[in-house]
Protein backbone atom coordinates (compact mmCIF):
# COMPACT_ATOMS: atom_id res chain seq x y z
CA MET A 1 6.68 -5.63 29.93
CA PRO A 2 8.48 -2.30 30.65
CA GLN A 3 6.67 0.83 29.59
CA HIS A 4 7.62 2.09 26.15
CA GLU A 5 9.14 5.58 26.18
CA THR A 6 10.61 7.83 23.52
CA VAL A 7 12.73 10.96 23.59
CA ALA A 8 12.70 13.81 21.06
CA SER A 9 15.53 13.33 18.55
CA PRO A 10 15.86 16.50 16.42
CA ASP A 11 19.64 16.16 16.34
CA ILE A 12 19.43 12.57 15.12
CA TYR A 13 16.52 12.22 12.70
CA GLY A 14 15.35 15.82 12.50
CA PRO A 15 12.55 18.02 13.88
CA GLY A 16 9.45 16.15 14.99
CA THR A 17 11.13 12.77 15.48
CA PHE A 18 11.21 10.54 18.56
CA VAL A 19 13.63 7.70 19.36
CA ASP A 20 13.02 4.73 21.65
CA LYS A 21 14.68 5.04 25.04
CA GLU A 22 14.86 1.26 25.24
CA PHE A 23 14.93 -1.44 22.56
CA PHE A 24 12.10 -3.97 22.45
CA PRO A 25 12.25 -7.18 20.37
CA ALA A 26 10.11 -6.88 17.26
CA PRO A 27 7.33 -9.36 18.23
CA GLN A 28 6.96 -7.70 21.64
CA ASP A 29 6.95 -4.23 20.10
CA ALA A 30 4.42 -5.30 17.46
CA SER A 31 2.05 -6.39 20.23
CA ARG A 32 2.34 -2.95 21.83
CA ILE A 33 1.81 -1.19 18.50
CA PHE A 34 -1.21 -3.41 17.80
CA GLU A 35 -2.84 -2.24 21.02
CA TYR A 36 -1.97 1.41 20.31
CA ILE A 37 -3.56 1.33 16.84
CA ALA A 38 -6.50 -0.77 18.04
CA LYS A 39 -7.32 1.78 20.75
CA GLY A 40 -7.24 4.61 18.23
CA THR A 41 -9.38 2.94 15.56
CA PRO A 42 -13.10 3.76 15.84
CA GLY A 43 -15.19 0.68 15.18
CA PHE A 44 -12.45 -1.80 16.02
CA THR A 45 -13.34 -4.03 18.96
CA GLN A 46 -12.16 -2.84 22.36
CA ASP A 47 -12.74 -6.31 23.84
CA LYS A 48 -9.37 -7.25 25.39
CA ALA A 49 -10.33 -10.92 25.18
CA LEU A 50 -10.18 -10.61 21.38
CA TRP A 51 -6.92 -8.67 21.51
CA ASP A 52 -5.45 -11.52 23.57
CA THR A 53 -6.09 -13.95 20.70
CA VAL A 54 -3.27 -12.25 18.76
CA LYS A 55 0.27 -13.61 18.83
CA PHE A 56 3.34 -12.12 17.13
CA GLU A 57 6.51 -14.05 16.34
CA GLY A 58 9.69 -13.42 14.34
CA SER A 59 13.22 -12.02 14.59
CA GLU A 60 14.14 -9.63 17.38
CA HIS A 61 15.90 -6.92 15.39
CA PRO A 62 14.60 -4.70 12.56
CA VAL A 63 14.82 -6.31 9.14
CA ILE A 64 14.67 -3.26 6.84
CA PRO A 65 17.13 -0.37 6.43
CA GLY A 66 16.39 2.79 8.35
CA PRO A 67 14.81 3.60 11.72
CA THR A 68 11.07 3.25 11.08
CA LYS A 69 8.93 0.41 12.39
CA ALA A 70 6.80 0.17 9.26
CA PRO A 71 6.94 -3.67 9.29
CA LEU A 72 5.56 -3.70 12.84
CA VAL A 73 2.77 -1.29 11.89
CA ALA A 74 1.96 -3.60 8.97
CA ALA A 75 2.05 -6.62 11.30
CA ALA A 76 -0.40 -4.89 13.63
CA LEU A 77 -2.78 -4.08 10.76
CA HIS A 78 -2.64 -7.68 9.51
CA ALA A 79 -3.48 -8.87 13.01
CA MET A 80 -6.43 -6.47 13.17
CA CYS A 81 -7.71 -7.94 9.90
CA GLY A 82 -7.50 -11.36 11.53
CA VAL A 83 -9.50 -10.25 14.56
CA VAL A 84 -12.27 -8.76 12.40
CA ALA A 85 -12.26 -11.92 10.27
CA HIS A 86 -13.00 -13.94 13.40
CA GLU A 87 -15.81 -11.54 14.34
CA ILE A 88 -17.33 -12.12 10.90
CA VAL A 89 -17.04 -15.90 11.27
CA GLN A 90 -18.65 -15.67 14.71
CA ASP A 91 -21.60 -13.73 13.30
CA ARG A 92 -21.89 -16.12 10.37
CA ASP A 93 -21.26 -19.52 11.97
CA GLY A 94 -21.50 -18.97 15.71
CA THR A 95 -17.83 -19.84 16.35
CA PRO A 96 -16.76 -17.62 19.30
CA ALA A 97 -14.08 -15.21 18.17
CA GLU A 98 -12.33 -15.36 21.54
CA SER A 99 -11.84 -19.11 21.08
CA GLN A 100 -9.76 -18.58 17.94
CA ALA A 101 -6.14 -17.49 17.44
CA VAL A 102 -4.47 -14.96 15.13
CA THR A 103 -0.76 -15.39 14.41
CA VAL A 104 1.49 -12.92 12.59
CA ASN A 105 5.20 -13.32 11.84
CA THR A 106 6.83 -9.86 11.87
CA ASP A 107 9.51 -10.98 9.37
CA HIS A 108 6.72 -12.07 7.04
CA ALA A 109 5.02 -8.69 7.49
CA ALA A 110 8.28 -6.95 6.52
CA ILE A 111 8.86 -9.10 3.44
CA TRP A 112 5.19 -8.59 2.52
CA LEU A 113 6.03 -4.91 2.01
CA GLY A 114 8.31 -6.09 -0.83
CA THR A 115 5.86 -8.65 -2.19
CA ILE A 116 6.26 -7.72 -5.84
CA PHE A 117 9.82 -9.09 -5.94
CA ALA A 118 9.29 -12.01 -3.54
CA ALA A 119 8.10 -14.29 -6.33
CA THR A 120 9.35 -16.85 -8.82
CA ILE A 121 8.23 -17.77 -12.34
CA GLU A 122 9.08 -21.26 -13.61
CA GLY A 123 11.68 -21.46 -10.87
CA LYS A 124 13.31 -18.13 -11.80
CA ASP A 125 13.70 -15.57 -9.05
CA MET A 126 11.86 -12.29 -9.75
CA SER A 127 14.82 -10.17 -8.66
CA GLU A 128 17.01 -11.91 -11.21
CA ILE A 129 14.34 -11.61 -13.92
CA VAL A 130 14.26 -7.84 -13.33
CA ARG A 131 18.04 -7.45 -13.23
CA THR A 132 18.56 -9.38 -16.46
CA LYS A 133 15.83 -7.36 -18.21
CA GLN A 134 13.78 -10.46 -19.00
CA LEU A 135 10.61 -9.00 -17.50
CA PRO A 136 9.12 -7.46 -20.68
CA LYS A 137 9.19 -10.88 -22.38
CA LEU A 138 6.59 -12.15 -19.90
CA PHE A 139 3.84 -9.81 -21.10
CA GLU A 140 1.92 -10.03 -24.34
CA ARG A 141 0.44 -6.57 -23.78
CA ASP A 142 2.52 -3.59 -22.69
CA PHE A 143 0.73 -1.70 -19.92
CA GLU A 144 3.71 0.51 -19.14
CA GLY A 145 3.78 2.50 -22.37
CA GLY A 146 7.57 2.87 -22.17
CA PHE A 147 7.32 5.17 -19.18
CA MET A 148 10.85 4.22 -18.03
CA SER A 149 12.30 3.37 -21.43
CA THR A 150 15.12 5.93 -21.29
CA PRO A 151 17.48 7.14 -18.53
CA MET A 152 15.79 10.56 -18.62
CA ARG A 153 12.37 9.06 -18.02
CA GLN A 154 13.75 6.82 -15.29
CA ARG A 155 15.24 9.71 -13.35
CA THR A 156 12.30 12.07 -13.68
CA THR A 157 10.97 10.32 -10.60
CA ALA A 158 13.70 10.98 -8.03
CA LEU A 159 14.68 13.25 -5.16
CA TYR A 160 16.49 16.49 -5.98
CA LYS A 161 18.24 19.27 -4.13
CA THR A 162 16.55 22.67 -4.56
CA LYS A 163 17.78 26.25 -4.42
CA THR A 164 16.24 26.50 -0.95
CA PRO A 165 18.99 25.68 1.56
CA GLY A 166 18.46 22.32 3.25
CA VAL A 167 15.29 21.44 1.30
CA TRP A 168 14.95 18.66 -1.27
CA TYR A 169 12.08 17.95 -3.62
CA GLN A 170 10.39 14.76 -4.83
CA LEU A 171 9.95 15.08 -8.58
CA HIS A 172 7.59 12.57 -10.17
CA GLY A 173 7.03 11.62 -13.80
CA SER A 174 3.60 10.12 -13.10
CA LEU A 175 4.11 7.45 -15.78
CA ASP A 176 4.43 10.19 -18.44
CA ALA A 177 7.71 11.99 -17.85
CA PRO A 178 8.18 14.15 -21.00
CA PRO A 179 5.48 16.75 -20.20
CA VAL A 180 6.86 17.13 -16.67
CA LEU A 181 10.40 17.68 -17.91
CA ARG A 182 9.36 20.07 -20.69
CA SER A 183 7.38 22.20 -18.25
CA LEU A 184 10.57 22.64 -16.20
CA GLY A 185 12.62 23.61 -19.25
CA ILE A 186 14.37 20.24 -19.36
CA ASP A 187 14.80 18.35 -22.64
CA PRO A 188 13.22 14.89 -22.20
CA ASP A 189 15.18 13.66 -25.21
CA TYR A 190 18.59 14.64 -23.83
CA PRO A 191 20.83 11.74 -24.91
CA ALA A 192 21.92 10.59 -21.47
CA LYS A 193 23.60 7.21 -21.81
CA THR A 194 23.19 6.16 -18.18
CA SER A 195 20.75 6.82 -15.35
CA GLU A 196 23.60 8.52 -13.45
CA GLU A 197 24.15 10.96 -16.31
CA ALA A 198 20.41 11.64 -16.56
CA TYR A 199 20.16 12.28 -12.81
CA GLU A 200 23.05 14.75 -12.88
CA TYR A 201 21.58 16.55 -15.91
CA ILE A 202 18.16 16.95 -14.25
CA ALA A 203 19.69 17.80 -10.86
CA ARG A 204 21.62 20.79 -12.26
CA ARG A 205 18.38 22.29 -13.53
CA ILE A 206 16.17 21.48 -10.54
CA GLU A 207 18.67 23.18 -8.23
CA GLN A 208 17.86 26.47 -9.98
CA TRP A 209 14.34 26.35 -8.51
CA THR A 210 13.35 27.02 -4.91
CA ALA A 211 11.22 24.38 -3.22
CA ASP A 212 8.22 26.70 -3.15
CA GLU A 213 8.62 27.53 -6.84
CA LEU A 214 8.60 23.82 -7.70
CA GLU A 215 5.57 23.28 -5.52
CA MET A 216 3.56 26.09 -7.12
CA HIS A 217 4.70 25.04 -10.59
CA ASN A 218 3.36 21.53 -10.07
CA VAL A 219 0.11 22.74 -8.55
CA LYS A 220 -0.42 25.09 -11.50
CA ASN A 221 0.25 22.33 -14.05
CA GLY A 222 -1.48 19.49 -12.20
CA PHE A 223 1.72 17.47 -11.87
CA CYS A 224 2.84 15.30 -8.98
CA GLY A 225 5.55 16.48 -6.64
CA SER A 226 6.21 17.34 -3.02
CA ILE A 227 8.61 19.20 -0.81
CA CYS A 228 10.54 16.79 1.38
CA PHE A 229 9.22 17.96 4.73
CA SER A 230 10.66 17.04 8.07
CA PRO A 231 8.00 15.37 10.24
CA GLN A 232 7.60 18.59 12.21
CA ASP A 233 7.32 20.77 9.13
CA TRP A 234 4.63 18.48 7.71
CA SER A 235 2.62 18.41 10.94
CA ASP A 236 2.74 22.21 11.03
CA THR A 237 1.07 22.57 7.63
CA LEU A 238 -2.69 23.02 7.41
CA MET A 239 -2.91 19.78 5.43
CA GLY A 240 -0.86 17.94 8.04
CA LYS A 241 -3.15 19.18 10.81
CA ARG A 242 -6.27 18.24 8.83
CA LEU A 243 -4.98 14.73 8.13
CA ALA A 244 -3.94 14.27 11.76
CA SER A 245 -7.57 14.82 12.80
CA HIS A 246 -8.57 11.56 11.09
CA PRO A 247 -7.88 8.05 12.40
CA LEU A 248 -5.56 5.77 10.47
CA VAL A 249 -8.52 3.60 9.43
CA PRO A 250 -11.40 5.99 8.76
CA TYR A 251 -14.69 4.36 7.85
CA SER A 252 -18.21 5.50 8.56
CA ARG A 253 -21.81 4.62 7.93
CA GLN A 254 -23.28 6.98 5.36
CA SER A 255 -26.22 8.31 7.34
CA HIS A 256 -27.56 10.36 4.43
CA ALA A 257 -27.96 7.26 2.24
CA ILE A 258 -31.27 5.50 1.64
CA PRO A 259 -31.72 3.07 4.58
CA THR A 260 -31.03 -0.56 3.73
CA PRO A 261 -31.42 -3.70 5.89
CA PRO A 262 -28.69 -5.87 7.43
CA ILE A 263 -27.08 -8.27 4.93
CA PRO A 264 -25.90 -11.50 6.61
CA PHE A 265 -22.74 -13.14 5.33
CA PRO A 266 -23.45 -16.08 3.01
CA LYS A 267 -22.58 -19.62 4.07
CA PHE A 268 -20.82 -22.15 1.87
CA SER A 269 -20.05 -25.74 2.75
CA ASN A 270 -16.94 -25.81 0.53
CA ASP A 271 -15.37 -22.46 1.51
CA LYS A 272 -15.14 -21.36 5.13
CA ARG A 273 -13.01 -18.26 4.54
CA PRO A 274 -14.57 -15.19 6.18
CA LEU A 275 -15.49 -13.33 2.97
CA ALA A 276 -16.63 -16.27 0.86
CA GLY A 277 -19.52 -15.04 -1.29
CA ILE A 278 -18.64 -11.34 -0.97
CA LYS A 279 -18.36 -9.59 -4.35
CA VAL A 280 -15.82 -6.83 -4.99
CA VAL A 281 -15.37 -4.49 -7.97
CA GLU A 282 -11.90 -2.97 -8.09
CA LEU A 283 -11.27 0.12 -10.25
CA VAL A 284 -7.63 0.74 -9.39
CA ARG A 285 -4.04 1.26 -10.55
CA ILE A 286 -0.47 0.47 -9.44
CA ILE A 287 -0.11 -0.90 -5.84
CA ALA A 288 -2.26 0.57 -3.04
CA GLY A 289 -5.62 -0.01 -4.71
CA PRO A 290 -4.84 -3.54 -5.96
CA VAL A 291 -3.62 -4.53 -2.48
CA ILE A 292 -7.12 -3.89 -1.13
CA GLY A 293 -8.84 -6.37 -3.44
CA TRP A 294 -5.88 -8.77 -3.26
CA THR A 295 -6.25 -8.91 0.53
CA LEU A 296 -10.02 -9.36 0.34
CA ALA A 297 -9.59 -12.11 -2.28
CA ALA A 298 -7.34 -14.08 0.10
CA LEU A 299 -10.12 -13.81 2.69
CA GLY A 300 -12.54 -15.39 0.22
CA ALA A 301 -14.06 -12.53 -1.79
CA ASP A 302 -14.80 -12.78 -5.51
CA VAL A 303 -12.83 -9.82 -6.90
CA ILE A 304 -13.18 -8.44 -10.42
CA ARG A 305 -10.47 -5.95 -11.28
CA VAL A 306 -11.48 -3.39 -13.89
CA ASN A 307 -8.70 -1.81 -15.94
CA CYS A 308 -9.63 1.40 -17.72
CA SER A 309 -8.48 1.54 -21.32
CA ARG A 310 -5.73 4.03 -22.19
CA LEU A 311 -4.43 4.21 -18.62
CA THR A 312 -0.87 3.08 -17.99
CA ASP A 313 -0.07 0.46 -15.36
CA LEU A 314 3.04 -1.40 -14.19
CA ASN A 315 3.48 -4.82 -15.77
CA VAL A 316 5.39 -6.38 -12.88
CA LEU A 317 2.53 -5.79 -10.44
CA GLN A 318 0.23 -8.14 -12.34
CA LEU A 319 2.45 -11.08 -11.34
CA THR A 320 1.42 -10.88 -7.69
CA LEU A 321 -1.32 -8.30 -7.04
CA ASN A 322 -3.77 -9.95 -9.44
CA THR A 323 -3.67 -13.25 -7.57
CA GLY A 324 -7.11 -14.60 -6.74
CA LYS A 325 -8.85 -12.06 -9.01
CA ARG A 326 -10.47 -11.90 -12.42
CA THR A 327 -9.71 -8.93 -14.65
CA ILE A 328 -11.54 -7.12 -17.45
CA ASP A 329 -11.06 -4.04 -19.61
CA ILE A 330 -13.46 -1.09 -19.45
CA ASP A 331 -13.27 2.18 -21.39
CA LEU A 332 -15.01 4.87 -19.34
CA THR A 333 -15.25 7.13 -22.37
CA LYS A 334 -17.80 4.69 -23.86
CA GLU A 335 -21.37 4.70 -22.59
CA GLU A 336 -21.81 0.96 -23.23
CA ASP A 337 -18.72 0.21 -21.10
CA LYS A 338 -19.94 2.44 -18.30
CA ALA A 339 -23.25 0.59 -18.44
CA ARG A 340 -21.38 -2.72 -18.09
CA LEU A 341 -19.51 -1.38 -15.05
CA ARG A 342 -22.82 -0.31 -13.46
CA GLU A 343 -24.16 -3.79 -14.10
CA LEU A 344 -21.23 -5.33 -12.23
CA ILE A 345 -21.57 -2.86 -9.36
CA GLN A 346 -25.27 -3.69 -9.13
CA GLY A 347 -24.28 -7.12 -7.80
CA ALA A 348 -21.29 -5.99 -5.73
CA ASP A 349 -20.88 -5.67 -1.97
CA VAL A 350 -17.70 -3.59 -2.16
CA PHE A 351 -16.48 -1.01 -4.68
CA VAL A 352 -12.79 -0.03 -4.54
CA GLN A 353 -11.48 2.96 -6.45
CA GLY A 354 -7.99 4.42 -6.54
CA PHE A 355 -8.36 7.62 -8.54
CA ARG A 356 -8.04 11.18 -7.32
CA PRO A 357 -11.08 12.44 -5.37
CA ASN A 358 -13.86 13.61 -7.67
CA VAL A 359 -12.18 12.30 -10.83
CA ILE A 360 -14.25 9.13 -10.82
CA ALA A 361 -17.33 11.04 -9.66
CA ARG A 362 -17.25 12.97 -12.93
CA LYS A 363 -17.65 9.61 -14.68
CA GLY A 364 -20.71 8.77 -12.60
CA PHE A 365 -19.08 6.47 -10.03
CA GLY A 366 -18.59 8.74 -7.04
CA VAL A 367 -19.67 7.75 -3.56
CA ASN A 368 -23.09 9.40 -3.83
CA ASP A 369 -23.72 7.76 -7.20
CA LEU A 370 -23.13 4.33 -5.69
CA LEU A 371 -25.08 5.11 -2.53
CA GLU A 372 -28.06 5.90 -4.74
CA MET A 373 -27.61 2.64 -6.63
CA ALA A 374 -27.37 0.72 -3.36
CA GLY A 375 -30.49 2.36 -1.97
CA ASN A 376 -32.47 1.60 -5.10
CA ARG A 377 -31.49 -2.06 -5.02
CA GLY A 378 -32.21 -2.31 -1.27
CA LYS A 379 -28.74 -3.57 -0.33
CA GLY A 380 -26.01 -1.39 1.15
CA ILE A 381 -22.57 -1.05 -0.39
CA VAL A 382 -19.08 -0.45 1.00
CA TYR A 383 -17.29 2.29 -0.97
CA VAL A 384 -13.51 2.17 -0.51
CA GLU A 385 -11.22 4.87 -1.87
CA GLU A 386 -7.50 5.36 -1.53
CA ASN A 387 -5.63 8.55 -2.35
CA CYS A 388 -2.53 10.46 -1.35
CA TYR A 389 -3.64 13.12 1.12
CA GLY A 390 -6.77 11.83 2.82
CA PRO A 391 -10.51 12.55 2.84
CA ASP A 392 -10.40 16.36 2.93
CA GLY A 393 -8.17 19.40 3.31
CA PRO A 394 -6.35 21.81 0.97
CA TYR A 395 -4.32 19.08 -0.77
CA HIS A 396 -7.26 16.70 -0.98
CA GLU A 397 -7.49 16.62 -4.78
CA ARG A 398 -3.77 16.82 -5.56
CA PRO A 399 -2.34 13.84 -7.45
CA GLY A 400 0.07 11.64 -5.58
CA TRP A 401 1.97 8.39 -5.59
CA GLN A 402 3.89 6.43 -2.99
CA GLN A 403 6.94 8.68 -3.31
CA ILE A 404 4.80 11.78 -2.74
CA GLY A 405 3.47 10.30 0.49
CA ASP A 406 7.03 9.52 1.56
CA ALA A 407 8.20 13.08 0.87
CA ALA A 408 5.23 14.89 2.39
CA SER A 409 5.05 12.88 5.61
CA GLY A 410 8.73 13.29 6.46
CA SER A 411 9.63 9.65 5.80
CA SER A 412 12.14 10.47 3.05
CA TYR A 413 13.73 13.17 5.20
CA VAL A 414 14.10 10.75 8.13
CA MET A 415 15.55 8.06 5.87
CA GLY A 416 18.14 10.53 4.61
CA ARG A 417 19.11 11.46 8.17
CA SER A 418 19.46 7.79 9.09
CA LEU A 419 21.98 7.40 6.26
CA GLY A 420 24.12 10.17 7.73
CA PHE A 421 22.96 13.18 5.70
CA LYS A 422 22.62 16.43 7.65
CA ASP A 423 21.96 18.83 4.76
CA GLY A 424 18.33 17.91 4.05
CA THR A 425 19.25 15.17 1.58
CA SER A 426 16.22 12.91 1.41
CA VAL A 427 16.05 9.26 0.39
CA LEU A 428 13.06 7.03 -0.28
CA PRO A 429 12.15 4.53 2.42
CA PRO A 430 13.46 1.10 1.42
CA LEU A 431 10.15 -0.42 0.27
CA PRO A 432 6.78 0.68 -1.17
CA ILE A 433 5.66 1.03 2.43
CA SER A 434 3.00 3.69 2.02
CA ASP A 435 1.48 1.89 -0.99
CA MET A 436 1.29 -1.51 0.69
CA SER A 437 0.15 -0.14 4.06
CA THR A 438 -2.49 2.09 2.47
CA GLY A 439 -3.92 -0.96 0.72
CA LEU A 440 -3.96 -2.87 3.98
CA VAL A 441 -5.74 0.01 5.74
CA GLY A 442 -8.37 0.00 2.99
CA ALA A 443 -8.88 -3.74 3.35
CA LEU A 444 -9.22 -3.49 7.14
CA GLY A 445 -11.76 -0.68 6.76
CA ALA A 446 -13.73 -2.77 4.26
CA LEU A 447 -13.76 -5.72 6.66
CA MET A 448 -15.12 -3.61 9.52
CA ALA A 449 -17.69 -2.01 7.23
CA LEU A 450 -18.88 -5.39 5.94
CA ARG A 451 -19.15 -6.64 9.52
CA ASP A 452 -21.24 -3.60 10.46
CA ARG A 453 -23.42 -3.89 7.35
CA ALA A 454 -24.25 -7.46 8.38
CA ARG A 455 -25.12 -6.33 11.90
CA HIS A 456 -26.82 -2.99 11.32
CA GLY A 457 -27.47 -2.54 7.60
CA GLY A 458 -26.67 0.63 5.69
CA SER A 459 -23.87 1.68 3.34
CA TYR A 460 -20.33 2.65 4.34
CA ARG A 461 -17.42 4.72 3.11
CA VAL A 462 -13.76 3.85 3.75
CA THR A 463 -10.83 6.15 2.94
CA SER A 464 -7.12 5.36 3.13
CA SER A 465 -4.23 7.74 2.56
CA LEU A 466 -0.60 7.31 1.48
CA VAL A 467 0.61 10.17 3.67
CA LYS A 468 -1.29 8.88 6.71
CA ALA A 469 0.11 5.37 6.21
CA ASP A 470 3.62 6.85 6.35
CA ALA A 471 2.98 9.32 9.16
CA ILE A 472 1.75 6.68 11.63
CA ALA A 473 5.26 5.20 11.85
CA LEU A 474 6.66 8.62 12.80
CA GLU A 475 4.34 9.18 15.77
CA PRO A 476 6.05 9.36 19.18
CA GLU A 477 3.85 6.53 20.46
CA ILE A 478 5.36 4.25 17.80
CA GLY A 479 8.94 5.51 18.09
CA LEU A 480 12.00 5.20 15.85
CA TYR A 481 14.89 2.83 16.35
CA SER A 482 18.10 4.36 17.70
CA PRO A 483 21.14 4.67 15.39
CA GLU A 484 22.75 1.82 17.31
CA VAL A 485 19.85 -0.53 16.54
CA VAL A 486 19.83 0.60 12.89
CA GLU A 487 23.56 -0.15 12.68
CA LYS A 488 23.02 -3.70 13.98
CA SER A 489 20.58 -4.25 11.14
CA ASN A 490 23.11 -2.83 8.68
CA GLU A 491 25.79 -5.19 9.96
CA LEU A 492 23.50 -8.21 9.77
CA PHE A 493 22.04 -7.64 6.31
CA GLN A 494 24.93 -5.75 4.69
CA TRP A 495 22.56 -3.52 2.74
CA GLY A 496 23.93 -2.20 -0.54
CA HIS A 497 23.90 1.41 -1.71
CA ILE A 498 20.70 3.39 -1.16
CA GLY A 499 20.57 6.98 -2.41
CA PRO A 500 18.27 9.86 -3.45
CA GLU A 501 18.60 9.09 -7.16
CA GLN A 502 17.06 5.63 -6.90
CA PHE A 503 13.58 4.51 -7.89
CA VAL A 504 11.68 2.39 -5.36
CA THR A 505 12.24 -0.87 -7.28
CA GLU A 506 16.00 -0.29 -7.29
CA ILE A 507 16.01 0.06 -3.51
CA LEU A 508 13.74 -2.96 -3.19
CA LEU A 509 16.32 -5.07 -5.05
CA VAL A 510 18.94 -4.02 -2.46
CA VAL A 511 16.63 -5.08 0.37
CA MET A 512 15.71 -8.39 -1.27
CA ASP A 513 19.41 -9.25 -1.55
CA GLY A 514 19.82 -8.75 2.19
CA TRP A 515 16.77 -10.80 3.06
CA LYS A 516 17.79 -13.74 0.89
CA LYS A 517 21.24 -13.83 2.48
CA VAL A 518 19.93 -13.79 6.06
CA PHE A 519 16.55 -15.53 5.61
CA PRO A 520 17.10 -18.17 2.92
CA GLN A 521 14.62 -20.47 4.66
CA TYR A 522 11.77 -18.10 3.92
CA PHE A 523 12.35 -18.29 0.16
CA GLU A 524 13.09 -22.01 -0.23
CA SER A 525 10.95 -25.10 0.08
CA GLY A 526 10.61 -26.41 3.61
CA PRO A 527 8.61 -25.93 6.81
CA GLU A 528 9.67 -22.28 7.23
CA SER A 529 8.95 -21.24 3.66
CA LEU A 530 6.71 -18.19 3.28
CA LEU A 531 5.86 -19.03 -0.33
CA THR A 532 2.72 -20.50 -1.82
CA SER A 533 2.78 -22.23 -5.22
CA PHE A 534 0.50 -22.36 -8.25
CA GLU A 535 1.35 -25.11 -10.70
CA GLU A 536 -0.56 -23.73 -13.67
CA GLY A 537 -1.44 -20.24 -14.82
CA PRO A 538 -0.85 -17.70 -17.58
CA TRP A 539 2.84 -17.52 -16.66
CA GLY A 540 3.25 -21.22 -15.91
CA ARG A 541 4.40 -22.41 -12.49
CA THR A 542 4.64 -19.49 -10.05
CA GLN A 543 5.36 -18.85 -6.39
CA GLN A 544 4.61 -15.82 -4.24
CA LEU A 545 4.31 -14.86 -0.60
CA LYS A 546 1.51 -16.40 1.39
CA PRO A 547 -0.95 -14.04 3.13
CA VAL A 548 0.61 -12.79 6.35
CA VAL A 549 -2.15 -13.46 8.86
CA ARG A 550 -2.73 -17.04 10.00
CA LEU A 551 -5.99 -18.08 11.65
CA SER A 552 -6.18 -21.11 13.92
CA ASP A 553 -8.67 -22.90 11.68
CA PRO A 554 -6.88 -23.80 8.40
CA SER A 555 -10.19 -23.86 6.53
CA MET A 556 -10.73 -20.19 7.43
CA THR A 557 -7.17 -18.90 7.10
CA PRO A 558 -6.55 -16.54 4.15
CA ARG A 559 -5.36 -18.10 0.89
CA TRP A 560 -5.82 -17.56 -2.83
CA LEU A 561 -7.52 -20.22 -4.91
CA SER A 562 -6.24 -19.04 -8.31
CA PRO A 563 -2.90 -17.73 -9.62
CA ALA A 564 -2.10 -14.22 -10.72
CA ILE A 565 -3.41 -13.27 -14.15
CA PRO A 566 -2.71 -10.45 -16.61
CA ASN A 567 -4.78 -7.29 -16.62
CA CYS A 568 -7.77 -7.38 -19.00
CA TYR A 569 -7.61 -11.20 -19.08
CA HIS A 570 -11.31 -12.09 -19.09
CA PRO A 571 -14.16 -11.16 -21.43
CA GLN A 572 -16.11 -8.10 -20.40
CA ASP A 573 -19.32 -10.08 -19.97
CA ILE A 574 -18.08 -12.34 -17.14
CA GLN A 575 -20.54 -12.93 -14.33
CA TRP A 576 -20.21 -13.13 -10.56
CA LEU A 577 -19.32 -16.54 -9.20
């Protein structure tokens, strides 16, 4: 295999970007990226014999709009999960990890990034359900609170040109747009009849602010938002430098915790999946956090998702990201509910939380709170947290969503350049890449921590970051596709319009259309189908994407045993399986 090389491409994709000197087919490039990330991940095996168990397959050319290799990064992370899964099985059953095989289809890894629309309900395609506005009819309980019920609310979360020449800004409604708009002097009840009219109305007012003024305004008011940095501008910030000092998958044994003994993995005759018997409490929202437990559930874990009363969530995500889980409702303003949550955690091996740093600690469920609980019970715990900006640094406690990670890292800037804009116009990446990848990073960290707990004892902390999950794909060692390669993808898939005004789900619909034209076999019944079916469930007969990683032993390969369920579906007093 020829050596991979990149060349600086400031005139193509902007400052701090690097383009491949030579094109490599996706499976071959994924193998290289796997080795690059594996080498840079503390705690991941450096045994080349285990690396050689990994095989990538799939189409040669990129299968998403734009120049980033996010699907190949995701494919590499899925493969790493497979390798650690085999290490766990070896420790549990004695099956040599090097005798097993891990297979990842890079097309599957790309489509996985758009999982939420790669589903069917009673034979109806999710994309069509969304387009025809039938989605709200599927839910008895509204978890969205009307956060996108008007054009003005819809376009509060979008990219806008600022008064600063060449700099755009990611505005974000954070599921409650009116306060954000009012703070900026914008009438949230302006009677815009269309999303285009709303975008133009907001844009005229945002352009009166400089990028720095918007940034300080949002910091002062505690709102989401981010300057759309170029990759170089982001890496030059103090926060960018601080985040760059951490590995993509940061996990560590908590040496200050009360010592606890090794906890071997349980054995079950009827379930050979690597995490069978592992118990996970998930206190999360939206996508990144739920992906962590969703991934662990496919590997065999018993996952209880806890939804906090009075907090808004997205209805559509329940249809896929709650697969394999059970869900309950907890109100953290009530002492009896907090006591119930502590009772669940008392029996858990993993605790996943997706709130801003220190927010959950003020409720009594911070990392040190759970380390104390684990020490008192004599059994270590794995504490997994996902946030926007990483484990420390000046932005550490700022709120953030997927779009904020895209803007801060430089991903939105690069996407805009790839679409031909030279004036700083920024556009969201085509999928919820940072959300999905951040969840996958959290799951991989949890797997390595559980493996180490079984070998050495102790408690562990895992952190995963939206900005870091985006930034990895912009590193020179990963490389960006050249404009010529991007154009080949455009010609093949005939992507529809993608622009700065669009919300992530609108862009995802464009991408799904392209995939279903070029890859119909992946979405239909047959030997190449990537879908798994559930005949009965709360929404009837459903289909969704299978887990990406395939292990050589079918009894160990990831799969979900139960269909997706609504949030808050089970009684609060459910017990561990």
